[in-house]
Amino acid sequence: MTATLYLPAVLRPSAADQGTVPVKAATVGGALDELSRSWPQLERRLRDEQGRVRRHIRIYLEDQDIAALEGLATRLPEGTHIHIIPMVSGG
C-alpha cells in the first residue's frame, strides 16, 4: 500500500528537509522500516533498541494513535496518512 508519512519540523533535517515522504508498506512498522532504509539516522530517533516506538514519539494513522490500534502492526489502507508527533515536555 502507498501511504504518505508526515515528518515534524524537528525531524526534517534528518530526511533531507522533506516534510512528507511517500512510503510503500503494508503496516506502520513497515513504513518506518522503509523510512529508516532511506534515512538511517531517523531510526534511533523513532524506535528504541528493541524496535518499539520511543516513549516520547506518537504515531497517528489519520487521526488515531496507533497505540490504540495494533501499534506497529497496524495495517495501512491505500492512500492513508501517517503523522509522527514528538511529545513536548519541560517546565
PDB file of N, CA and C in Angstrom:
ATOM      1  N   MET A   1       0.832  -1.177   0.000  1.00  0.00           N
ATOM      2  CA  MET A   1       0.000   0.000   0.000  1.00  0.00           C
ATOM      3  C   MET A   1       0.877   1.241   0.000  1.00  0.00           C
ATOM      4  N   THR A   2       0.411   2.272  -0.655  1.00  0.00           N
ATOM      5  CA  THR A   2       1.128   3.540  -0.640  1.00  0.00           C
ATOM      6  C   THR A   2       0.485   4.456   0.385  1.00  0.00           C
ATOM      7  N   ALA A   3       1.331   5.048   1.226  1.00  0.00           N
ATOM      8  CA  ALA A   3       0.876   5.979   2.254  1.00  0.00           C
ATOM      9  C   ALA A   3       1.783   7.199   2.218  1.00  0.00           C
ATOM     10  N   THR A   4       1.354   8.261   2.872  1.00  0.00           N
ATOM     11  CA  THR A   4       2.178   9.459   2.999  1.00  0.00           C
ATOM     12  C   THR A   4       2.526   9.627   4.456  1.00  0.00           C
ATOM     13  N   LEU A   5       3.815   9.723   4.734  1.00  0.00           N
ATOM     14  CA  LEU A   5       4.305   9.887   6.085  1.00  0.00           C
ATOM     15  C   LEU A   5       4.671  11.359   6.264  1.00  0.00           C
ATOM     16  N   TYR A   6       4.132  11.992   7.307  1.00  0.00           N
ATOM     17  CA  TYR A   6       4.389  13.399   7.593  1.00  0.00           C
ATOM     18  C   TYR A   6       5.391  13.512   8.725  1.00  0.00           C
ATOM     19  N   LEU A   7       6.491  14.217   8.468  1.00  0.00           N
ATOM     20  CA  LEU A   7       7.534  14.401   9.465  1.00  0.00           C
ATOM     21  C   LEU A   7       7.423  15.785  10.102  1.00  0.00           C
ATOM     22  N   PRO A   8       7.593  15.871  11.423  1.00  0.00           N
ATOM     23  CA  PRO A   8       7.590  17.183  12.072  1.00  0.00           C
ATOM     24  C   PRO A   8       8.873  17.944  11.726  1.00  0.00           C
ATOM     25  N   ALA A   9       8.853  19.248  11.902  1.00  0.00           N
ATOM     26  CA  ALA A   9       9.990  20.096  11.545  1.00  0.00           C
ATOM     27  C   ALA A   9      11.278  19.644  12.214  1.00  0.00           C
ATOM     28  N   VAL A  10      11.207  19.160  13.432  1.00  0.00           N
ATOM     29  CA  VAL A  10      12.409  18.762  14.167  1.00  0.00           C
ATOM     30  C   VAL A  10      13.118  17.558  13.527  1.00  0.00           C
ATOM     31  N   LEU A  11      12.400  16.716  12.801  1.00  0.00           N
ATOM     32  CA  LEU A  11      13.000  15.539  12.169  1.00  0.00           C
ATOM     33  C   LEU A  11      13.376  15.763  10.705  1.00  0.00           C
ATOM     34  N   ARG A  12      12.912  16.820  10.123  1.00  0.00           N
ATOM     35  CA  ARG A  12      13.149  17.048   8.695  1.00  0.00           C
ATOM     36  C   ARG A  12      14.622  17.165   8.308  1.00  0.00           C
ATOM     37  N   PRO A  13      15.481  17.780   9.128  1.00  0.00           N
ATOM     38  CA  PRO A  13      16.904  17.823   8.741  1.00  0.00           C
ATOM     39  C   PRO A  13      17.520  16.431   8.560  1.00  0.00           C
ATOM     40  N   SER A  14      16.982  15.441   9.241  1.00  0.00           N
ATOM     41  CA  SER A  14      17.487  14.066   9.103  1.00  0.00           C
ATOM     42  C   SER A  14      16.926  13.364   7.878  1.00  0.00           C
ATOM     43  N   ALA A  15      16.013  14.030   7.157  1.00  0.00           N
ATOM     44  CA  ALA A  15      15.382  13.440   5.974  1.00  0.00           C
ATOM     45  C   ALA A  15      15.453  14.400   4.788  1.00  0.00           C
ATOM     46  N   ALA A  16      16.618  15.021   4.623  1.00  0.00           N
ATOM     47  CA  ALA A  16      16.843  15.938   3.502  1.00  0.00           C
ATOM     48  C   ALA A  16      15.794  17.052   3.459  1.00  0.00           C
ATOM     49  N   ASP A  17      15.362  17.491   4.639  1.00  0.00           N
ATOM     50  CA  ASP A  17      14.396  18.590   4.803  1.00  0.00           C
ATOM     51  C   ASP A  17      13.023  18.314   4.199  1.00  0.00           C
ATOM     52  N   GLN A  18      12.689  17.059   4.024  1.00  0.00           N
ATOM     53  CA  GLN A  18      11.369  16.704   3.493  1.00  0.00           C
ATOM     54  C   GLN A  18      10.331  16.683   4.616  1.00  0.00           C
ATOM     55  N   GLY A  19       9.186  17.255   4.349  1.00  0.00           N
ATOM     56  CA  GLY A  19       8.092  17.244   5.308  1.00  0.00           C
ATOM     57  C   GLY A  19       7.152  16.071   5.098  1.00  0.00           C
ATOM     58  N   THR A  20       7.085  15.599   3.865  1.00  0.00           N
ATOM     59  CA  THR A  20       6.263  14.433   3.548  1.00  0.00           C
ATOM     60  C   THR A  20       7.105  13.432   2.774  1.00  0.00           C
ATOM     61  N   VAL A  21       6.852  12.168   3.069  1.00  0.00           N
ATOM     62  CA  VAL A  21       7.605  11.093   2.425  1.00  0.00           C
ATOM     63  C   VAL A  21       6.614  10.018   1.989  1.00  0.00           C
ATOM     64  N   PRO A  22       6.542   9.708   0.706  1.00  0.00           N
ATOM     65  CA  PRO A  22       5.692   8.595   0.281  1.00  0.00           C
ATOM     66  C   PRO A  22       6.372   7.273   0.650  1.00  0.00           C
ATOM     67  N   VAL A  23       5.590   6.346   1.166  1.00  0.00           N
ATOM     68  CA  VAL A  23       6.120   5.031   1.538  1.00  0.00           C
ATOM     69  C   VAL A  23       5.210   3.950   0.985  1.00  0.00           C
ATOM     70  N   LYS A  24       5.810   2.811   0.671  1.00  0.00           N
ATOM     71  CA  LYS A  24       5.046   1.635   0.241  1.00  0.00           C
ATOM     72  C   LYS A  24       5.267   0.569   1.290  1.00  0.00           C
ATOM     73  N   ALA A  25       4.211   0.281   2.040  1.00  0.00           N
ATOM     74  CA  ALA A  25       4.307  -0.702   3.115  1.00  0.00           C
ATOM     75  C   ALA A  25       2.905  -1.182   3.464  1.00  0.00           C
ATOM     76  N   ALA A  26       2.850  -2.349   4.080  1.00  0.00           N
ATOM     77  CA  ALA A  26       1.564  -2.910   4.492  1.00  0.00           C
ATOM     78  C   ALA A  26       1.173  -2.491   5.903  1.00  0.00           C
ATOM     79  N   THR A  27       2.192  -2.139   6.717  1.00  0.00           N
ATOM     80  CA  THR A  27       1.928  -1.785   8.124  1.00  0.00           C
ATOM     81  C   THR A  27       2.687  -0.511   8.486  1.00  0.00           C
ATOM     82  N   VAL A  28       2.333   0.046   9.631  1.00  0.00           N
ATOM     83  CA  VAL A  28       3.050   1.222  10.128  1.00  0.00           C
ATOM     84  C   VAL A  28       4.521   0.862  10.360  1.00  0.00           C
ATOM     85  N   GLY A  29       4.795  -0.286  10.943  1.00  0.00           N
ATOM     86  CA  GLY A  29       6.174  -0.722  11.155  1.00  0.00           C
ATOM     87  C   GLY A  29       6.938  -0.831   9.856  1.00  0.00           C
ATOM     88  N   GLY A  30       6.296  -1.351   8.822  1.00  0.00           N
ATOM     89  CA  GLY A  30       6.923  -1.444   7.507  1.00  0.00           C
ATOM     90  C   GLY A  30       7.221  -0.066   6.936  1.00  0.00           C
ATOM     91  N   ALA A  31       6.335   0.887   7.177  1.00  0.00           N
ATOM     92  CA  ALA A  31       6.567   2.253   6.718  1.00  0.00           C
ATOM     93  C   ALA A  31       7.789   2.855   7.420  1.00  0.00           C
ATOM     94  N   LEU A  32       7.927   2.598   8.724  1.00  0.00           N
ATOM     95  CA  LEU A  32       9.107   3.086   9.450  1.00  0.00           C
ATOM     96  C   LEU A  32      10.368   2.382   8.962  1.00  0.00           C
ATOM     97  N   ASP A  33      10.257   1.095   8.630  1.00  0.00           N
ATOM     98  CA  ASP A  33      11.401   0.371   8.074  1.00  0.00           C
ATOM     99  C   ASP A  33      11.863   1.027   6.777  1.00  0.00           C
ATOM    100  N   GLU A  34      10.915   1.337   5.900  1.00  0.00           N
ATOM    101  CA  GLU A  34      11.252   1.960   4.625  1.00  0.00           C
ATOM    102  C   GLU A  34      11.874   3.337   4.848  1.00  0.00           C
ATOM    103  N   LEU A  35      11.299   4.104   5.759  1.00  0.00           N
ATOM    104  CA  LEU A  35      11.845   5.418   6.086  1.00  0.00           C
ATOM    105  C   LEU A  35      13.284   5.294   6.579  1.00  0.00           C
ATOM    106  N   SER A  36      13.534   4.309   7.433  1.00  0.00           N
ATOM    107  CA  SER A  36      14.868   4.100   8.007  1.00  0.00           C
ATOM    108  C   SER A  36      15.884   3.622   6.979  1.00  0.00           C
ATOM    109  N   ARG A  37      15.429   2.902   5.960  1.00  0.00           N
ATOM    110  CA  ARG A  37      16.352   2.496   4.895  1.00  0.00           C
ATOM    111  C   ARG A  37      16.832   3.717   4.105  1.00  0.00           C
ATOM    112  N   SER A  38      15.940   4.667   3.904  1.00  0.00           N
ATOM    113  CA  SER A  38      16.312   5.886   3.178  1.00  0.00           C
ATOM    114  C   SER A  38      17.129   6.834   4.050  1.00  0.00           C
ATOM    115  N   TRP A  39      16.760   6.946   5.325  1.00  0.00           N
ATOM    116  CA  TRP A  39      17.431   7.850   6.261  1.00  0.00           C
ATOM    117  C   TRP A  39      17.673   7.124   7.577  1.00  0.00           C
ATOM    118  N   PRO A  40      18.770   6.353   7.663  1.00  0.00           N
ATOM    119  CA  PRO A  40      19.048   5.538   8.851  1.00  0.00           C
ATOM    120  C   PRO A  40      19.113   6.331  10.152  1.00  0.00           C
ATOM    121  N   GLN A  41      19.496   7.597  10.092  1.00  0.00           N
ATOM    122  CA  GLN A  41      19.590   8.392  11.307  1.00  0.00           C
ATOM    123  C   GLN A  41      18.232   8.608  11.985  1.00  0.00           C
ATOM    124  N   LEU A  42      17.149   8.440  11.239  1.00  0.00           N
ATOM    125  CA  LEU A  42      15.817   8.579  11.831  1.00  0.00           C
ATOM    126  C   LEU A  42      15.442   7.379  12.696  1.00  0.00           C
ATOM    127  N   GLU A  43      15.999   6.224  12.413  1.00  0.00           N
ATOM    128  CA  GLU A  43      15.630   5.003  13.143  1.00  0.00           C
ATOM    129  C   GLU A  43      15.818   5.185  14.641  1.00  0.00           C
ATOM    130  N   ARG A  44      16.971   5.645  15.064  1.00  0.00           N
ATOM    131  CA  ARG A  44      17.215   5.769  16.503  1.00  0.00           C
ATOM    132  C   ARG A  44      16.421   6.898  17.142  1.00  0.00           C
ATOM    133  N   ARG A  45      15.938   7.836  16.348  1.00  0.00           N
ATOM    134  CA  ARG A  45      15.099   8.917  16.880  1.00  0.00           C
ATOM    135  C   ARG A  45      13.651   8.465  17.061  1.00  0.00           C
ATOM    136  N   LEU A  46      13.248   7.427  16.296  1.00  0.00           N
ATOM    137  CA  LEU A  46      11.855   6.980  16.333  1.00  0.00           C
ATOM    138  C   LEU A  46      11.632   5.699  17.130  1.00  0.00           C
ATOM    139  N   ARG A  47      12.612   4.776  17.082  1.00  0.00           N
ATOM    140  CA  ARG A  47      12.431   3.486  17.753  1.00  0.00           C
ATOM    141  C   ARG A  47      13.630   3.181  18.647  1.00  0.00           C
ATOM    142  N   ASP A  48      13.356   2.418  19.711  1.00  0.00           N
ATOM    143  CA  ASP A  48      14.425   2.046  20.633  1.00  0.00           C
ATOM    144  C   ASP A  48      15.158   0.804  20.122  1.00  0.00           C
ATOM    145  N   GLU A  49      16.063   0.290  20.936  1.00  0.00           N
ATOM    146  CA  GLU A  49      16.896  -0.842  20.542  1.00  0.00           C
ATOM    147  C   GLU A  49      16.091  -2.123  20.318  1.00  0.00           C
ATOM    148  N   GLN A  50      14.909  -2.208  20.919  1.00  0.00           N
ATOM    149  CA  GLN A  50      14.039  -3.370  20.729  1.00  0.00           C
ATOM    150  C   GLN A  50      13.056  -3.171  19.567  1.00  0.00           C
ATOM    151  N   GLY A  51      13.151  -2.040  18.893  1.00  0.00           N
ATOM    152  CA  GLY A  51      12.279  -1.780  17.755  1.00  0.00           C
ATOM    153  C   GLY A  51      10.936  -1.175  18.120  1.00  0.00           C
ATOM    154  N   ARG A  52      10.747  -0.825  19.388  1.00  0.00           N
ATOM    155  CA  ARG A  52       9.497  -0.196  19.825  1.00  0.00           C
ATOM    156  C   ARG A  52       9.557   1.315  19.603  1.00  0.00           C
ATOM    157  N   VAL A  53       8.401   1.904  19.365  1.00  0.00           N
ATOM    158  CA  VAL A  53       8.335   3.358  19.214  1.00  0.00           C
ATOM    159  C   VAL A  53       8.783   3.987  20.528  1.00  0.00           C
ATOM    160  N   ARG A  54       9.672   4.956  20.442  1.00  0.00           N
ATOM    161  CA  ARG A  54      10.162   5.626  21.651  1.00  0.00           C
ATOM    162  C   ARG A  54       9.005   6.286  22.388  1.00  0.00           C
ATOM    163  N   ARG A  55       9.130   6.356  23.708  1.00  0.00           N
ATOM    164  CA  ARG A  55       8.010   6.831  24.533  1.00  0.00           C
ATOM    165  C   ARG A  55       7.662   8.290  24.299  1.00  0.00           C
ATOM    166  N   HIS A  56       8.571   9.080  23.768  1.00  0.00           N
ATOM    167  CA  HIS A  56       8.278  10.491  23.514  1.00  0.00           C
ATOM    168  C   HIS A  56       7.786  10.744  22.078  1.00  0.00           C
ATOM    169  N   ILE A  57       7.524   9.682  21.344  1.00  0.00           N
ATOM    170  CA  ILE A  57       7.019   9.789  19.968  1.00  0.00           C
ATOM    171  C   ILE A  57       5.613   9.190  19.903  1.00  0.00           C
ATOM    172  N   ARG A  58       4.719   9.898  19.260  1.00  0.00           N
ATOM    173  CA  ARG A  58       3.381   9.364  18.981  1.00  0.00           C
ATOM    174  C   ARG A  58       3.242   9.268  17.464  1.00  0.00           C
ATOM    175  N   ILE A  59       2.614   8.193  17.028  1.00  0.00           N
ATOM    176  CA  ILE A  59       2.379   7.996  15.602  1.00  0.00           C
ATOM    177  C   ILE A  59       0.873   7.839  15.401  1.00  0.00           C
ATOM    178  N   TYR A  60       0.359   8.632  14.491  1.00  0.00           N
ATOM    179  CA  TYR A  60      -1.069   8.618  14.199  1.00  0.00           C
ATOM    180  C   TYR A  60      -1.302   8.134  12.776  1.00  0.00           C
ATOM    181  N   LEU A  61      -2.283   7.282  12.642  1.00  0.00           N
ATOM    182  CA  LEU A  61      -2.782   6.861  11.343  1.00  0.00           C
ATOM    183  C   LEU A  61      -4.051   7.672  11.151  1.00  0.00           C
ATOM    184  N   GLU A  62      -3.981   8.636  10.244  1.00  0.00           N
ATOM    185  CA  GLU A  62      -5.024   9.654  10.108  1.00  0.00           C
ATOM    186  C   GLU A  62      -5.166  10.341  11.474  1.00  0.00           C
ATOM    187  N   ASP A  63      -6.291  10.184  12.165  1.00  0.00           N
ATOM    188  CA  ASP A  63      -6.482  10.864  13.457  1.00  0.00           C
ATOM    189  C   ASP A  63      -6.474   9.900  14.644  1.00  0.00           C
ATOM    190  N   GLN A  64      -5.978   8.672  14.441  1.00  0.00           N
ATOM    191  CA  GLN A  64      -5.962   7.684  15.519  1.00  0.00           C
ATOM    192  C   GLN A  64      -4.537   7.326  15.915  1.00  0.00           C
ATOM    193  N   ASP A  65      -4.270   7.390  17.213  1.00  0.00           N
ATOM    194  CA  ASP A  65      -2.974   6.994  17.751  1.00  0.00           C
ATOM    195  C   ASP A  65      -2.821   5.488  17.528  1.00  0.00           C
ATOM    196  N   ILE A  66      -1.709   5.062  16.939  1.00  0.00           N
ATOM    197  CA  ILE A  66      -1.530   3.630  16.672  1.00  0.00           C
ATOM    198  C   ILE A  66      -1.444   2.822  17.960  1.00  0.00           C
ATOM    199  N   ALA A  67      -1.141   3.484  19.089  1.00  0.00           N
ATOM    200  CA  ALA A  67      -1.111   2.789  20.381  1.00  0.00           C
ATOM    201  C   ALA A  67      -2.500   2.262  20.736  1.00  0.00           C
ATOM    202  N   ALA A  68      -3.542   2.910  20.237  1.00  0.00           N
ATOM    203  CA  ALA A  68      -4.921   2.474  20.487  1.00  0.00           C
ATOM    204  C   ALA A  68      -5.396   1.492  19.416  1.00  0.00           C
ATOM    205  N   LEU A  69      -4.568   1.271  18.418  1.00  0.00           N
ATOM    206  CA  LEU A  69      -4.899   0.322  17.346  1.00  0.00           C
ATOM    207  C   LEU A  69      -4.055  -0.932  17.552  1.00  0.00           C
ATOM    208  N   GLU A  70      -3.267  -1.311  16.568  1.00  0.00           N
ATOM    209  CA  GLU A  70      -2.419  -2.503  16.677  1.00  0.00           C
ATOM    210  C   GLU A  70      -0.937  -2.147  16.713  1.00  0.00           C
ATOM    211  N   GLY A  71      -0.632  -0.920  17.159  1.00  0.00           N
ATOM    212  CA  GLY A  71       0.754  -0.493  17.245  1.00  0.00           C
ATOM    213  C   GLY A  71       1.427  -0.526  15.886  1.00  0.00           C
ATOM    214  N   LEU A  72       2.665  -0.974  15.850  1.00  0.00           N
ATOM    215  CA  LEU A  72       3.412  -1.022  14.594  1.00  0.00           C
ATOM    216  C   LEU A  72       2.832  -2.023  13.602  1.00  0.00           C
ATOM    217  N   ALA A  73       2.012  -2.950  14.079  1.00  0.00           N
ATOM    218  CA  ALA A  73       1.379  -3.939  13.201  1.00  0.00           C
ATOM    219  C   ALA A  73       0.108  -3.403  12.541  1.00  0.00           C
ATOM    220  N   THR A  74      -0.258  -2.159  12.833  1.00  0.00           N
ATOM    221  CA  THR A  74      -1.458  -1.567  12.246  1.00  0.00           C
ATOM    222  C   THR A  74      -1.343  -1.545  10.730  1.00  0.00           C
ATOM    223  N   ARG A  75      -2.339  -2.113  10.064  1.00  0.00           N
ATOM    224  CA  ARG A  75      -2.360  -2.182   8.598  1.00  0.00           C
ATOM    225  C   ARG A  75      -2.607  -0.794   8.011  1.00  0.00           C
ATOM    226  N   LEU A  76      -2.030  -0.564   6.850  1.00  0.00           N
ATOM    227  CA  LEU A  76      -2.160   0.719   6.167  1.00  0.00           C
ATOM    228  C   LEU A  76      -3.124   0.623   5.002  1.00  0.00           C
ATOM    229  N   PRO A  77      -4.249   1.317   5.079  1.00  0.00           N
ATOM    230  CA  PRO A  77      -5.124   1.397   3.910  1.00  0.00           C
ATOM    231  C   PRO A  77      -4.440   2.218   2.808  1.00  0.00           C
ATOM    232  N   GLU A  78      -4.752   1.935   1.585  1.00  0.00           N
ATOM    233  CA  GLU A  78      -4.185   2.665   0.448  1.00  0.00           C
ATOM    234  C   GLU A  78      -4.468   4.159   0.598  1.00  0.00           C
ATOM    235  N   GLY A  79      -3.425   4.964   0.394  1.00  0.00           N
ATOM    236  CA  GLY A  79      -3.578   6.414   0.396  1.00  0.00           C
ATOM    237  C   GLY A  79      -3.688   7.061   1.765  1.00  0.00           C
ATOM    238  N   THR A  80      -3.420   6.323   2.806  1.00  0.00           N
ATOM    239  CA  THR A  80      -3.572   6.854   4.161  1.00  0.00           C
ATOM    240  C   THR A  80      -2.438   7.800   4.531  1.00  0.00           C
ATOM    241  N   HIS A  81      -2.627   8.539   5.609  1.00  0.00           N
ATOM    242  CA  HIS A  81      -1.627   9.481   6.112  1.00  0.00           C
ATOM    243  C   HIS A  81      -1.135   9.024   7.475  1.00  0.00           C
ATOM    244  N   ILE A  82       0.192   9.049   7.639  1.00  0.00           N
ATOM    245  CA  ILE A  82       0.825   8.693   8.904  1.00  0.00           C
ATOM    246  C   ILE A  82       1.513   9.959   9.419  1.00  0.00           C
ATOM    247  N   HIS A  83       1.190  10.339  10.648  1.00  0.00           N
ATOM    248  CA  HIS A  83       1.760  11.546  11.247  1.00  0.00           C
ATOM    249  C   HIS A  83       2.651  11.146  12.417  1.00  0.00           C
ATOM    250  N   ILE A  84       3.891  11.630  12.414  1.00  0.00           N
ATOM    251  CA  ILE A  84       4.804  11.410  13.526  1.00  0.00           C
ATOM    252  C   ILE A  84       4.812  12.680  14.365  1.00  0.00           C
ATOM    253  N   ILE A  85       4.481  12.521  15.645  1.00  0.00           N
ATOM    254  CA  ILE A  85       4.357  13.665  16.546  1.00  0.00           C
ATOM    255  C   ILE A  85       5.295  13.479  17.732  1.00  0.00           C
ATOM    256  N   PRO A  86       6.298  14.348  17.868  1.00  0.00           N
ATOM    257  CA  PRO A  86       7.150  14.259  19.072  1.00  0.00           C
ATOM    258  C   PRO A  86       6.432  14.925  20.240  1.00  0.00           C
ATOM    259  N   MET A  87       6.525  14.326  21.404  1.00  0.00           N
ATOM    260  CA  MET A  87       5.920  14.889  22.610  1.00  0.00           C
ATOM    261  C   MET A  87       6.804  16.030  23.098  1.00  0.00           C
ATOM    262  N   VAL A  88       6.185  17.034  23.662  1.00  0.00           N
ATOM    263  CA  VAL A  88       6.902  18.191  24.183  1.00  0.00           C
ATOM    264  C   VAL A  88       6.743  18.199  25.690  1.00  0.00           C
ATOM    265  N   SER A  89       7.861  18.359  26.389  1.00  0.00           N
ATOM    266  CA  SER A  89       7.785  18.439  27.853  1.00  0.00           C
ATOM    267  C   SER A  89       8.790  19.471  28.333  1.00  0.00           C
ATOM    268  N   GLY A  90       8.715  19.756  29.576  1.00  0.00           N
ATOM    269  CA  GLY A  90       9.628  20.723  30.146  1.00  0.00           C
ATOM    270  C   GLY A  90       8.911  21.584  31.167  1.00  0.00           C
ATOM    271  N   GLY A  91       9.604  22.513  31.670  1.00  0.00           N
ATOM    272  CA  GLY A  91       8.975  23.330  32.698  1.00  0.00           C
ATOM    273  C   GLY A  91       9.498  24.716  32.736  1.00  0.00           C
TER     274      GLY A  91
END
